[in-house]
N, C-alpha and C. Protein backbone atom coordinates (compact mmCIF):
# COMPACT_ATOMS: atom_id res chain seq x y z
N MET A 1 -16.01 -90.35 57.22
CA MET A 1 -15.74 -91.40 58.18
C MET A 1 -17.04 -92.08 58.60
N ARG A 2 -17.02 -93.37 58.65
CA ARG A 2 -18.20 -94.14 59.02
C ARG A 2 -18.55 -93.91 60.49
N SER A 3 -19.85 -93.83 60.77
CA SER A 3 -20.32 -93.63 62.13
C SER A 3 -21.55 -94.50 62.33
N GLU A 4 -21.39 -95.55 63.15
CA GLU A 4 -22.47 -96.53 63.28
C GLU A 4 -22.40 -97.23 64.64
N VAL A 5 -23.57 -97.53 65.17
CA VAL A 5 -23.67 -98.36 66.37
C VAL A 5 -24.55 -99.53 66.01
N SER A 6 -24.10 -100.73 66.36
CA SER A 6 -24.93 -101.92 66.13
C SER A 6 -25.07 -102.66 67.44
N VAL A 7 -26.24 -103.25 67.63
CA VAL A 7 -26.52 -104.03 68.83
C VAL A 7 -27.04 -105.39 68.39
N SER A 8 -26.34 -106.41 68.80
CA SER A 8 -26.75 -107.79 68.51
C SER A 8 -27.34 -108.39 69.78
N LEU A 9 -28.62 -108.77 69.70
CA LEU A 9 -29.27 -109.40 70.85
C LEU A 9 -29.07 -110.92 70.82
N SER A 10 -28.97 -111.45 69.62
CA SER A 10 -28.74 -112.88 69.43
C SER A 10 -28.10 -113.05 68.05
N GLN A 11 -27.82 -114.28 67.70
CA GLN A 11 -27.19 -114.53 66.41
C GLN A 11 -28.09 -114.08 65.25
N ASN A 12 -29.39 -114.10 65.46
CA ASN A 12 -30.34 -113.77 64.39
C ASN A 12 -31.00 -112.40 64.54
N GLU A 13 -30.62 -111.65 65.56
CA GLU A 13 -31.31 -110.38 65.79
C GLU A 13 -30.29 -109.26 66.05
N GLU A 14 -30.20 -108.36 65.08
CA GLU A 14 -29.26 -107.25 65.18
C GLU A 14 -29.94 -105.95 64.77
N PHE A 15 -29.61 -104.89 65.49
CA PHE A 15 -30.11 -103.56 65.19
C PHE A 15 -28.92 -102.70 64.81
N LYS A 16 -29.02 -101.98 63.67
CA LYS A 16 -27.94 -101.09 63.23
C LYS A 16 -28.46 -99.67 63.14
N PHE A 17 -27.62 -98.75 63.62
CA PHE A 17 -28.00 -97.35 63.64
C PHE A 17 -26.90 -96.53 62.96
N ASP A 18 -27.23 -95.97 61.82
CA ASP A 18 -26.30 -95.15 61.05
C ASP A 18 -26.36 -93.73 61.62
N LEU A 19 -25.23 -93.23 62.08
CA LEU A 19 -25.19 -91.92 62.72
C LEU A 19 -24.48 -90.86 61.90
N GLU A 20 -24.16 -91.16 60.66
CA GLU A 20 -23.39 -90.22 59.83
C GLU A 20 -24.07 -88.87 59.68
N ASP A 21 -25.38 -88.84 59.58
CA ASP A 21 -26.10 -87.57 59.38
C ASP A 21 -26.70 -87.03 60.68
N GLN A 22 -26.32 -87.60 61.81
CA GLN A 22 -26.88 -87.19 63.10
C GLN A 22 -25.92 -86.24 63.81
N ALA A 23 -26.49 -85.26 64.48
CA ALA A 23 -25.67 -84.34 65.28
C ALA A 23 -25.07 -85.13 66.44
N PRO A 24 -23.77 -84.97 66.68
CA PRO A 24 -23.15 -85.73 67.76
C PRO A 24 -23.54 -85.19 69.13
N MET A 25 -23.53 -86.07 70.11
CA MET A 25 -23.72 -85.70 71.51
C MET A 25 -22.33 -85.45 72.09
N SER A 26 -22.26 -84.62 73.11
CA SER A 26 -21.01 -84.47 73.84
C SER A 26 -20.81 -85.71 74.71
N ASN A 27 -19.58 -85.92 75.13
CA ASN A 27 -19.28 -87.06 76.00
C ASN A 27 -20.12 -86.97 77.27
N GLU A 28 -20.19 -85.79 77.86
CA GLU A 28 -20.95 -85.61 79.10
C GLU A 28 -22.44 -85.88 78.89
N GLU A 29 -22.99 -85.40 77.79
CA GLU A 29 -24.41 -85.61 77.50
C GLU A 29 -24.69 -87.10 77.30
N GLY A 30 -23.80 -87.81 76.60
CA GLY A 30 -23.97 -89.24 76.39
C GLY A 30 -23.92 -90.02 77.69
N ARG A 31 -22.96 -89.68 78.54
CA ARG A 31 -22.85 -90.34 79.84
C ARG A 31 -24.07 -90.08 80.70
N ARG A 32 -24.56 -88.85 80.68
CA ARG A 32 -25.74 -88.50 81.48
C ARG A 32 -26.97 -89.26 81.00
N TRP A 33 -27.16 -89.36 79.66
CA TRP A 33 -28.31 -90.07 79.12
C TRP A 33 -28.24 -91.55 79.52
N LEU A 34 -27.05 -92.15 79.38
CA LEU A 34 -26.90 -93.56 79.76
C LEU A 34 -27.15 -93.77 81.25
N GLU A 35 -26.67 -92.85 82.07
CA GLU A 35 -26.90 -92.96 83.52
C GLU A 35 -28.39 -92.89 83.84
N ASP A 36 -29.11 -91.96 83.21
CA ASP A 36 -30.56 -91.84 83.41
C ASP A 36 -31.27 -93.13 83.02
N GLN A 37 -30.88 -93.72 81.89
CA GLN A 37 -31.49 -94.97 81.45
C GLN A 37 -31.10 -96.14 82.35
N PHE A 38 -29.87 -96.16 82.81
CA PHE A 38 -29.39 -97.20 83.72
C PHE A 38 -30.27 -97.23 84.97
N VAL A 39 -30.59 -96.06 85.49
CA VAL A 39 -31.43 -95.96 86.69
C VAL A 39 -32.89 -96.29 86.36
N SER A 40 -33.44 -95.69 85.31
CA SER A 40 -34.86 -95.88 85.02
C SER A 40 -35.19 -97.32 84.58
N LEU A 41 -34.22 -97.99 83.96
CA LEU A 41 -34.44 -99.39 83.55
C LEU A 41 -34.04 -100.37 84.65
N GLU A 42 -33.65 -99.83 85.80
CA GLU A 42 -33.27 -100.62 86.98
C GLU A 42 -32.17 -101.64 86.67
N CYS A 43 -31.13 -101.17 85.98
CA CYS A 43 -30.00 -102.02 85.64
C CYS A 43 -29.16 -102.28 86.88
N GLU A 44 -28.47 -103.39 86.87
CA GLU A 44 -27.58 -103.79 87.97
C GLU A 44 -26.14 -103.69 87.49
N PRO A 45 -25.22 -103.29 88.38
CA PRO A 45 -23.80 -103.27 88.01
C PRO A 45 -23.32 -104.67 87.62
N LEU A 46 -22.42 -104.74 86.65
CA LEU A 46 -21.88 -106.02 86.20
C LEU A 46 -20.76 -106.52 87.12
N ARG A 47 -20.12 -105.61 87.81
CA ARG A 47 -18.97 -105.96 88.64
C ARG A 47 -19.37 -106.06 90.11
N ALA A 48 -18.78 -107.02 90.79
CA ALA A 48 -19.07 -107.22 92.22
C ALA A 48 -18.68 -105.99 93.04
N SER A 49 -17.71 -105.24 92.57
CA SER A 49 -17.28 -104.04 93.29
C SER A 49 -18.32 -102.93 93.25
N GLY A 50 -19.26 -103.04 92.32
CA GLY A 50 -20.28 -102.00 92.16
C GLY A 50 -19.85 -100.88 91.24
N LYS A 51 -18.59 -100.89 90.82
CA LYS A 51 -18.11 -99.86 89.89
C LYS A 51 -18.74 -100.09 88.52
N VAL A 52 -19.22 -99.02 87.91
CA VAL A 52 -19.89 -99.13 86.61
C VAL A 52 -19.14 -98.28 85.59
N LEU A 53 -18.49 -98.94 84.64
CA LEU A 53 -17.77 -98.25 83.57
C LEU A 53 -18.75 -97.83 82.48
N ALA A 54 -18.34 -96.91 81.63
CA ALA A 54 -19.20 -96.46 80.52
C ALA A 54 -19.61 -97.65 79.65
N ALA A 55 -18.66 -98.53 79.34
CA ALA A 55 -18.97 -99.71 78.52
C ALA A 55 -19.99 -100.60 79.20
N ASP A 56 -19.90 -100.73 80.53
CA ASP A 56 -20.87 -101.53 81.28
C ASP A 56 -22.27 -100.94 81.16
N LYS A 57 -22.35 -99.62 81.21
CA LYS A 57 -23.66 -98.97 81.08
C LYS A 57 -24.25 -99.20 79.70
N VAL A 58 -23.41 -99.09 78.67
CA VAL A 58 -23.90 -99.34 77.30
C VAL A 58 -24.44 -100.77 77.21
N LEU A 59 -23.69 -101.73 77.72
CA LEU A 59 -24.12 -103.13 77.67
C LEU A 59 -25.41 -103.37 78.44
N THR A 60 -25.46 -102.91 79.67
CA THR A 60 -26.64 -103.20 80.50
C THR A 60 -27.87 -102.43 80.04
N VAL A 61 -27.69 -101.22 79.53
CA VAL A 61 -28.84 -100.47 79.01
C VAL A 61 -29.37 -101.15 77.75
N ALA A 62 -28.47 -101.60 76.87
CA ALA A 62 -28.91 -102.32 75.67
C ALA A 62 -29.65 -103.60 76.05
N GLN A 63 -29.11 -104.31 77.03
CA GLN A 63 -29.76 -105.56 77.47
C GLN A 63 -31.13 -105.28 78.07
N ALA A 64 -31.22 -104.29 78.95
CA ALA A 64 -32.49 -103.96 79.60
C ALA A 64 -33.50 -103.40 78.60
N GLY A 65 -33.02 -102.60 77.67
CA GLY A 65 -33.93 -102.04 76.65
C GLY A 65 -34.48 -103.11 75.74
N GLY A 66 -33.62 -104.05 75.40
CA GLY A 66 -34.04 -105.19 74.58
C GLY A 66 -34.71 -104.81 73.28
N ARG A 67 -35.36 -105.78 72.71
CA ARG A 67 -36.04 -105.63 71.43
C ARG A 67 -37.06 -104.50 71.44
N ARG A 68 -37.78 -104.37 72.55
CA ARG A 68 -38.86 -103.38 72.64
C ARG A 68 -38.32 -101.96 72.46
N LEU A 69 -37.28 -101.58 73.18
CA LEU A 69 -36.77 -100.21 73.08
C LEU A 69 -35.85 -100.02 71.89
N LEU A 70 -35.09 -101.04 71.52
CA LEU A 70 -34.21 -100.90 70.36
C LEU A 70 -35.01 -100.75 69.07
N ALA A 71 -36.23 -101.23 69.06
CA ALA A 71 -37.10 -101.07 67.88
C ALA A 71 -37.81 -99.71 67.88
N ASP A 72 -37.73 -98.99 68.98
CA ASP A 72 -38.35 -97.66 69.06
C ASP A 72 -37.39 -96.65 68.43
N PRO A 73 -37.78 -96.01 67.33
CA PRO A 73 -36.86 -95.11 66.62
C PRO A 73 -36.29 -93.98 67.46
N GLU A 74 -37.09 -93.38 68.31
CA GLU A 74 -36.61 -92.26 69.12
C GLU A 74 -35.63 -92.73 70.19
N TRP A 75 -36.01 -93.78 70.94
CA TRP A 75 -35.13 -94.28 72.00
C TRP A 75 -33.83 -94.82 71.42
N SER A 76 -33.93 -95.60 70.36
CA SER A 76 -32.72 -96.23 69.80
C SER A 76 -31.75 -95.19 69.24
N LEU A 77 -32.25 -94.11 68.67
CA LEU A 77 -31.37 -93.05 68.18
C LEU A 77 -30.63 -92.40 69.34
N HIS A 78 -31.36 -92.12 70.43
CA HIS A 78 -30.70 -91.57 71.61
C HIS A 78 -29.66 -92.55 72.15
N PHE A 79 -30.01 -93.81 72.22
CA PHE A 79 -29.08 -94.82 72.71
C PHE A 79 -27.81 -94.85 71.86
N ALA A 80 -27.96 -94.91 70.56
CA ALA A 80 -26.81 -95.00 69.66
C ALA A 80 -25.93 -93.75 69.78
N ARG A 81 -26.53 -92.59 69.79
CA ARG A 81 -25.76 -91.35 69.92
C ARG A 81 -25.04 -91.30 71.26
N ALA A 82 -25.71 -91.73 72.33
CA ALA A 82 -25.11 -91.72 73.67
C ALA A 82 -23.97 -92.73 73.77
N ALA A 83 -24.15 -93.91 73.19
CA ALA A 83 -23.10 -94.93 73.22
C ALA A 83 -21.86 -94.44 72.50
N LYS A 84 -22.05 -93.87 71.33
CA LYS A 84 -20.93 -93.34 70.56
C LYS A 84 -20.21 -92.24 71.34
N ALA A 85 -20.97 -91.34 71.93
CA ALA A 85 -20.38 -90.22 72.66
C ALA A 85 -19.67 -90.68 73.93
N ALA A 86 -20.29 -91.54 74.70
CA ALA A 86 -19.72 -91.98 75.97
C ALA A 86 -18.46 -92.81 75.76
N LEU A 87 -18.43 -93.59 74.69
CA LEU A 87 -17.28 -94.45 74.43
C LEU A 87 -16.22 -93.77 73.57
N GLY A 88 -16.59 -92.67 72.91
CA GLY A 88 -15.64 -91.91 72.11
C GLY A 88 -15.14 -92.64 70.88
N LYS A 89 -15.97 -93.49 70.31
CA LYS A 89 -15.59 -94.27 69.13
C LYS A 89 -16.63 -94.06 68.02
N PRO A 90 -16.20 -93.95 66.76
CA PRO A 90 -17.15 -93.74 65.67
C PRO A 90 -17.96 -94.98 65.32
N VAL A 91 -17.39 -96.16 65.55
CA VAL A 91 -18.10 -97.42 65.25
C VAL A 91 -18.08 -98.27 66.52
N VAL A 92 -19.28 -98.64 66.97
CA VAL A 92 -19.42 -99.42 68.20
C VAL A 92 -20.30 -100.63 67.90
N ARG A 93 -19.83 -101.80 68.30
CA ARG A 93 -20.62 -103.03 68.16
C ARG A 93 -20.88 -103.59 69.55
N VAL A 94 -22.15 -103.70 69.90
CA VAL A 94 -22.56 -104.20 71.20
C VAL A 94 -23.14 -105.60 71.01
N ASP A 95 -22.54 -106.59 71.65
CA ASP A 95 -23.03 -107.97 71.58
C ASP A 95 -23.59 -108.32 72.95
N VAL A 96 -24.91 -108.26 73.06
CA VAL A 96 -25.57 -108.49 74.35
C VAL A 96 -25.42 -109.94 74.79
N ALA A 97 -25.52 -110.88 73.87
CA ALA A 97 -25.42 -112.31 74.22
C ALA A 97 -24.09 -112.64 74.88
N SER A 98 -22.99 -112.07 74.38
CA SER A 98 -21.68 -112.36 74.96
C SER A 98 -21.24 -111.27 75.93
N MET A 99 -22.09 -110.24 76.12
CA MET A 99 -21.80 -109.11 77.00
C MET A 99 -20.44 -108.50 76.67
N SER A 100 -20.27 -108.16 75.38
CA SER A 100 -19.01 -107.57 74.94
C SER A 100 -19.25 -106.40 74.00
N ILE A 101 -18.25 -105.54 73.93
CA ILE A 101 -18.28 -104.40 73.03
C ILE A 101 -17.01 -104.43 72.22
N SER A 102 -17.14 -104.16 70.92
CA SER A 102 -15.95 -104.02 70.07
C SER A 102 -16.08 -102.73 69.29
N TYR A 103 -14.94 -102.26 68.79
CA TYR A 103 -14.89 -100.97 68.09
C TYR A 103 -14.37 -101.14 66.68
């Protein structure tokens, strides 16, 4: 089964992370890693209510990390594994420009 996370920052800039040979993270571990990054990157909730869904964290962490962190092999691998684990999907596409996620 295919296992991949891709992040598109713009129409011309996309990062793909193949996770087929990577040890999976648990859902809890993925959520915890995303929460830590959400706080350390000083991300803001997307919703006026302040409620932050797992998908919102994936989007805002990808946006805050940007090109600099997505190009870092260690950080990007953690991000991809955490996104897959937190969302519970084998294939995740993050489109930062449109602030959307597809599976």
